[in-house]
């Protein structure tokens, strides 16, 4: 049974073949937010997988464990007769306003678009490509989200593990959007907690759903789930949306 430590994301397939997150949650350590588009590579069959049912039902995440398909993050067996693997989750795309990536270093490729060449030239000094930490990516997304109002340009951002990977993803990233490589961790499942790094509004935003040792190790982080089964939408900008709907 899935514990209340991790919330399972819900997905929906659109008419044009895209897979969109309709309820936030975690899968293989990745935080999926409402409105995220899940980018799938059909030719890849390892790591975090996306499965669709042959009959009624919604798409869901899965993985292979000892040759058996299991749902992610619950770990429940998934029937290979009923579930079709569409490919591996290789990237996630979301609005810049909901930007945010997992920890570590990322190469961020940035594209600036506008009809005014002068505006583009000025904005390129503000929005440059390069290596960034997760918190620096968050800060870049916050500035890029308001670039149309402040600089008269639209910005697209793609973050990857290498320069080549980020620049390749940038070509298919829409203006006003962030696309980043998925970094799945199969060791994180429904029996373990998730600790999300800040920055958060203040220390009161922390909730104690993870083991004490984990909370002490990450004293300035925020846990992704509340006690007693109550959930809240985590926000990059400090506001807290309603929980379960």
Protein backbone atom coordinates (compact mmCIF):
# COMPACT_ATOMS: atom_id res chain seq x y z
CA UNK A 1 0.00 0.00 0.00
CA UNK A 2 1.25 3.47 -0.84
CA UNK A 3 2.15 5.36 2.30
CA UNK A 4 1.35 9.02 2.79
CA UNK A 5 5.02 9.91 2.28
CA UNK A 6 4.78 10.31 -1.49
CA UNK A 7 1.96 11.53 -3.64
CA UNK A 8 1.32 9.70 -6.91
CA UNK A 9 1.07 12.05 -9.91
CA UNK A 10 -1.89 11.75 -12.27
CA UNK A 11 -1.51 11.99 -16.05
CA UNK A 12 -3.77 12.53 -19.04
CA UNK A 13 -3.22 12.04 -22.76
CA UNK A 14 -4.22 14.89 -25.07
CA UNK A 15 -5.74 14.61 -28.53
CA UNK A 16 -2.42 15.52 -30.14
CA UNK A 17 -0.55 12.73 -28.37
CA UNK A 18 1.01 14.67 -25.50
CA UNK A 19 1.09 13.49 -21.89
CA UNK A 20 0.19 16.15 -19.33
CA UNK A 21 0.32 16.06 -15.52
CA UNK A 22 -3.10 16.81 -14.02
CA UNK A 23 -2.22 16.30 -10.34
CA UNK A 24 1.18 16.93 -8.81
CA UNK A 25 3.21 14.14 -7.30
CA UNK A 26 6.51 12.25 -7.29
CA UNK A 27 7.85 9.42 -9.39
CA UNK A 28 11.43 8.16 -9.12
CA UNK A 29 12.45 11.27 -7.12
CA UNK A 30 11.13 13.66 -9.81
CA UNK A 31 8.59 16.25 -8.70
CA UNK A 32 5.91 16.62 -11.38
CA UNK A 33 3.75 19.74 -11.25
CA UNK A 34 0.28 20.33 -12.66
CA UNK A 35 0.54 21.31 -16.32
CA UNK A 36 3.91 19.64 -16.90
CA UNK A 37 4.36 17.95 -20.26
CA UNK A 38 6.13 14.61 -20.00
CA UNK A 39 8.57 14.09 -22.88
CA UNK A 40 8.86 10.43 -23.86
CA UNK A 41 11.45 8.69 -26.06
CA UNK A 42 9.75 5.63 -27.65
CA UNK A 43 13.10 4.09 -28.57
CA UNK A 44 14.27 3.96 -24.93
CA UNK A 45 12.92 1.18 -22.70
CA UNK A 46 14.82 1.66 -19.44
CA UNK A 47 14.57 3.95 -16.44
CA UNK A 48 11.32 5.75 -15.65
CA UNK A 49 8.72 4.55 -18.16
CA UNK A 50 5.36 5.88 -19.28
CA UNK A 51 2.62 3.30 -19.73
CA UNK A 52 -0.86 3.58 -21.21
CA UNK A 53 -3.74 1.14 -20.64
CA UNK A 54 -5.22 -0.86 -23.50
CA UNK A 55 -8.73 -0.12 -22.22
CA UNK A 56 -10.16 2.44 -19.82
CA UNK A 57 -7.76 4.35 -17.62
CA UNK A 58 -5.12 7.06 -17.51
CA UNK A 59 -1.43 6.91 -18.40
CA UNK A 60 0.90 6.20 -15.51
CA UNK A 61 4.57 5.92 -14.67
CA UNK A 62 6.31 2.58 -14.30
CA UNK A 63 9.63 0.77 -14.33
CA UNK A 64 10.99 -2.71 -14.82
CA UNK A 65 11.95 -4.69 -11.74
CA UNK A 66 13.38 -8.16 -12.28
CA UNK A 67 11.69 -8.38 -15.65
CA UNK A 68 8.30 -7.35 -14.28
CA UNK A 69 6.51 -4.09 -15.01
CA UNK A 70 5.61 -2.24 -11.82
CA UNK A 71 3.82 1.05 -11.29
CA UNK A 72 5.89 3.99 -10.04
CA UNK A 73 6.04 5.05 -7.25
CA UNK A 74 3.69 2.50 -5.63
CA UNK A 75 5.64 -0.56 -6.76
CA UNK A 76 2.43 -2.46 -7.54
CA UNK A 77 2.68 -5.02 -10.36
CA UNK A 78 1.41 -3.83 -13.74
CA UNK A 79 -0.01 -6.27 -16.27
CA UNK A 80 1.98 -6.30 -19.50
CA UNK A 81 -1.20 -7.47 -21.26
CA UNK A 82 -3.13 -4.38 -20.23
CA UNK A 83 -0.32 -1.81 -20.10
CA UNK A 84 1.67 -0.66 -23.12
CA UNK A 85 5.05 0.95 -22.56
CA UNK A 86 5.25 4.12 -24.64
CA UNK A 87 8.90 4.73 -23.86
CA UNK A 88 11.16 6.27 -21.26
CA UNK A 89 10.63 9.67 -19.69
CA UNK A 90 13.61 11.67 -20.94
CA UNK A 91 12.55 15.23 -20.12
CA UNK A 92 9.88 17.42 -18.55
CA UNK A 93 8.61 20.73 -19.91
CA UNK A 94 6.74 23.33 -17.84
CA UNK A 95 5.91 27.02 -17.75
CA UNK A 96 8.71 29.25 -16.54
CA UNK A 97 6.45 30.46 -13.72
CA UNK A 98 6.49 26.93 -12.34
CA UNK A 99 10.18 26.46 -13.02
CA UNK A 100 12.46 24.45 -10.83
CA UNK A 101 14.79 21.49 -11.23
CA UNK A 102 16.36 18.91 -8.93
CA UNK A 103 19.72 19.43 -7.26
CA UNK A 104 23.09 19.28 -8.94
CA UNK A 105 24.59 21.24 -11.80
CA UNK A 106 22.84 21.89 -15.10
CA UNK A 107 23.85 23.42 -18.38
CA UNK A 108 21.14 25.90 -19.34
CA UNK A 109 20.74 26.78 -23.00
CA UNK A 110 18.73 29.98 -23.44
CA UNK A 111 16.92 31.34 -26.50
CA UNK A 112 15.60 34.92 -26.71
CA UNK A 113 12.87 35.82 -29.22
CA UNK A 114 11.38 39.17 -30.21
CA UNK A 115 10.58 41.25 -33.28
CA UNK A 116 12.72 44.10 -31.98
CA UNK A 117 16.41 43.35 -32.65
CA UNK A 118 17.46 45.97 -30.11
CA UNK A 119 15.43 44.26 -27.42
CA UNK A 120 17.01 40.91 -28.28
CA UNK A 121 20.51 42.37 -28.07
CA UNK A 122 19.82 43.87 -24.65
CA UNK A 123 18.12 40.75 -23.29
CA UNK A 124 20.98 38.49 -24.33
CA UNK A 125 23.18 40.27 -21.81
CA UNK A 126 20.67 39.36 -19.09
CA UNK A 127 19.72 35.84 -20.23
CA UNK A 128 22.86 33.93 -21.10
CA UNK A 129 23.56 30.22 -21.47
CA UNK A 130 25.92 28.47 -19.06
CA UNK A 131 26.35 26.07 -16.16
CA UNK A 132 24.13 26.71 -13.15
CA UNK A 133 23.16 25.17 -9.84
CA UNK A 134 19.53 24.27 -9.15
CA UNK A 135 18.95 27.50 -7.22
CA UNK A 136 20.49 29.51 -10.05
CA UNK A 137 18.15 27.79 -12.52
CA UNK A 138 15.22 28.79 -10.32
CA UNK A 139 16.40 32.40 -10.32
CA UNK A 140 16.85 32.34 -14.11
CA UNK A 141 13.29 31.04 -14.56
CA UNK A 142 11.85 33.75 -12.32
CA UNK A 143 13.55 36.47 -14.38
CA UNK A 144 12.68 34.82 -17.69
CA UNK A 145 9.02 34.50 -16.70
CA UNK A 146 8.64 38.30 -16.56
CA UNK A 147 10.94 39.01 -19.54
CA UNK A 148 8.02 39.90 -21.86
CA UNK A 149 6.97 42.71 -19.52
CA UNK A 150 10.42 43.93 -18.44
CA UNK A 151 12.51 43.35 -21.56
CA UNK A 152 10.02 42.94 -24.39
CA UNK A 153 11.26 39.46 -25.27
CA UNK A 154 10.16 35.85 -24.84
CA UNK A 155 12.64 33.39 -23.37
CA UNK A 156 12.94 29.61 -23.69
CA UNK A 157 15.21 27.61 -21.38
CA UNK A 158 16.48 24.04 -21.70
CA UNK A 159 18.59 22.41 -18.98
CA UNK A 160 20.59 19.25 -19.50
CA UNK A 161 23.56 17.26 -18.30
CA UNK A 162 25.76 18.52 -21.13
CA UNK A 163 26.00 21.45 -23.52
CA UNK A 164 25.03 19.29 -26.48
CA UNK A 165 22.01 17.82 -24.71
CA UNK A 166 20.68 21.20 -23.57
CA UNK A 167 21.12 22.83 -26.95
CA UNK A 168 19.37 19.92 -28.68
CA UNK A 169 16.39 20.19 -26.31
CA UNK A 170 16.23 23.95 -26.75
CA UNK A 171 15.30 23.54 -30.42
CA UNK A 172 11.95 22.01 -29.46
CA UNK A 173 11.29 24.16 -26.35
CA UNK A 174 8.55 26.75 -26.75
CA UNK A 175 9.00 30.39 -25.65
CA UNK A 176 7.96 30.90 -22.05
CA UNK A 177 8.77 27.29 -21.18
CA UNK A 178 11.48 25.36 -19.34
CA UNK A 179 12.50 21.90 -20.50
CA UNK A 180 14.90 19.83 -18.42
CA UNK A 181 16.33 16.33 -18.51
CA UNK A 182 14.72 13.82 -16.18
CA UNK A 183 17.03 12.35 -13.56
CA UNK A 184 15.08 9.37 -12.20
CA UNK A 185 16.17 7.61 -9.02
CA UNK A 186 14.50 4.21 -8.69
CA UNK A 187 15.61 3.89 -5.06
CA UNK A 188 13.00 6.49 -4.08
CA UNK A 189 9.55 4.91 -3.74
CA UNK A 190 6.44 5.00 -1.61
CA UNK A 191 8.28 3.70 1.45
CA UNK A 192 10.73 6.59 1.64
CA UNK A 193 10.34 10.31 2.04
CA UNK A 194 11.35 13.09 -0.31
CA UNK A 195 13.19 16.18 0.87
CA UNK A 196 13.05 19.12 -1.50
CA UNK A 197 15.71 21.83 -1.29
CA UNK A 198 14.60 25.44 -0.81
CA UNK A 199 14.52 28.33 -1.05
CA UNK A 200 11.24 28.50 0.86
CA UNK A 201 9.43 31.39 2.48
CA UNK A 202 10.43 30.60 6.05
CA UNK A 203 11.12 27.76 8.43
CA UNK A 204 7.40 27.32 9.15
CA UNK A 205 6.97 25.91 5.64
CA UNK A 206 8.75 22.74 6.71
CA UNK A 207 6.63 19.73 7.64
CA UNK A 208 7.87 16.64 9.43
CA UNK A 209 6.98 13.71 7.19
CA UNK A 210 10.49 12.29 6.81
CA UNK A 211 12.63 10.40 9.34
CA UNK A 212 14.33 12.56 11.95
CA UNK A 213 17.79 11.69 10.65
CA UNK A 214 16.85 12.84 7.17
CA UNK A 215 15.40 16.11 8.47
CA UNK A 216 18.55 16.81 10.45
CA UNK A 217 20.72 16.13 7.41
CA UNK A 218 18.79 18.68 5.38
CA UNK A 219 18.02 21.34 7.91
CA UNK A 220 17.22 24.02 5.34
CA UNK A 221 14.99 21.96 3.09
CA UNK A 222 11.31 21.36 2.81
CA UNK A 223 9.58 18.00 2.94
CA UNK A 224 7.30 17.20 0.03
CA UNK A 225 4.40 15.79 1.98
CA UNK A 226 2.51 16.69 5.11
CA UNK A 227 1.60 14.49 8.03
CA UNK A 228 -1.76 12.86 8.41
CA UNK A 229 -2.14 12.35 4.67
CA UNK A 230 -2.69 16.06 3.95
CA UNK A 231 -0.86 17.40 0.90
CA UNK A 232 -0.09 20.88 -0.30
CA UNK A 233 1.12 22.06 -3.70
CA UNK A 234 4.72 23.13 -3.36
CA UNK A 235 5.40 26.44 -5.04
CA UNK A 236 8.61 28.02 -6.23
CA UNK A 237 7.46 31.48 -5.23
CA UNK A 238 6.35 30.90 -1.66
CA UNK A 239 2.59 30.78 -2.18
CA UNK A 240 0.72 27.65 -1.16
CA UNK A 241 -2.11 26.40 -3.30
CA UNK A 242 -4.92 24.18 -2.10
CA UNK A 243 -4.21 20.56 -1.37
CA UNK A 244 -6.17 17.57 -2.64
CA UNK A 245 -8.92 18.49 -5.02
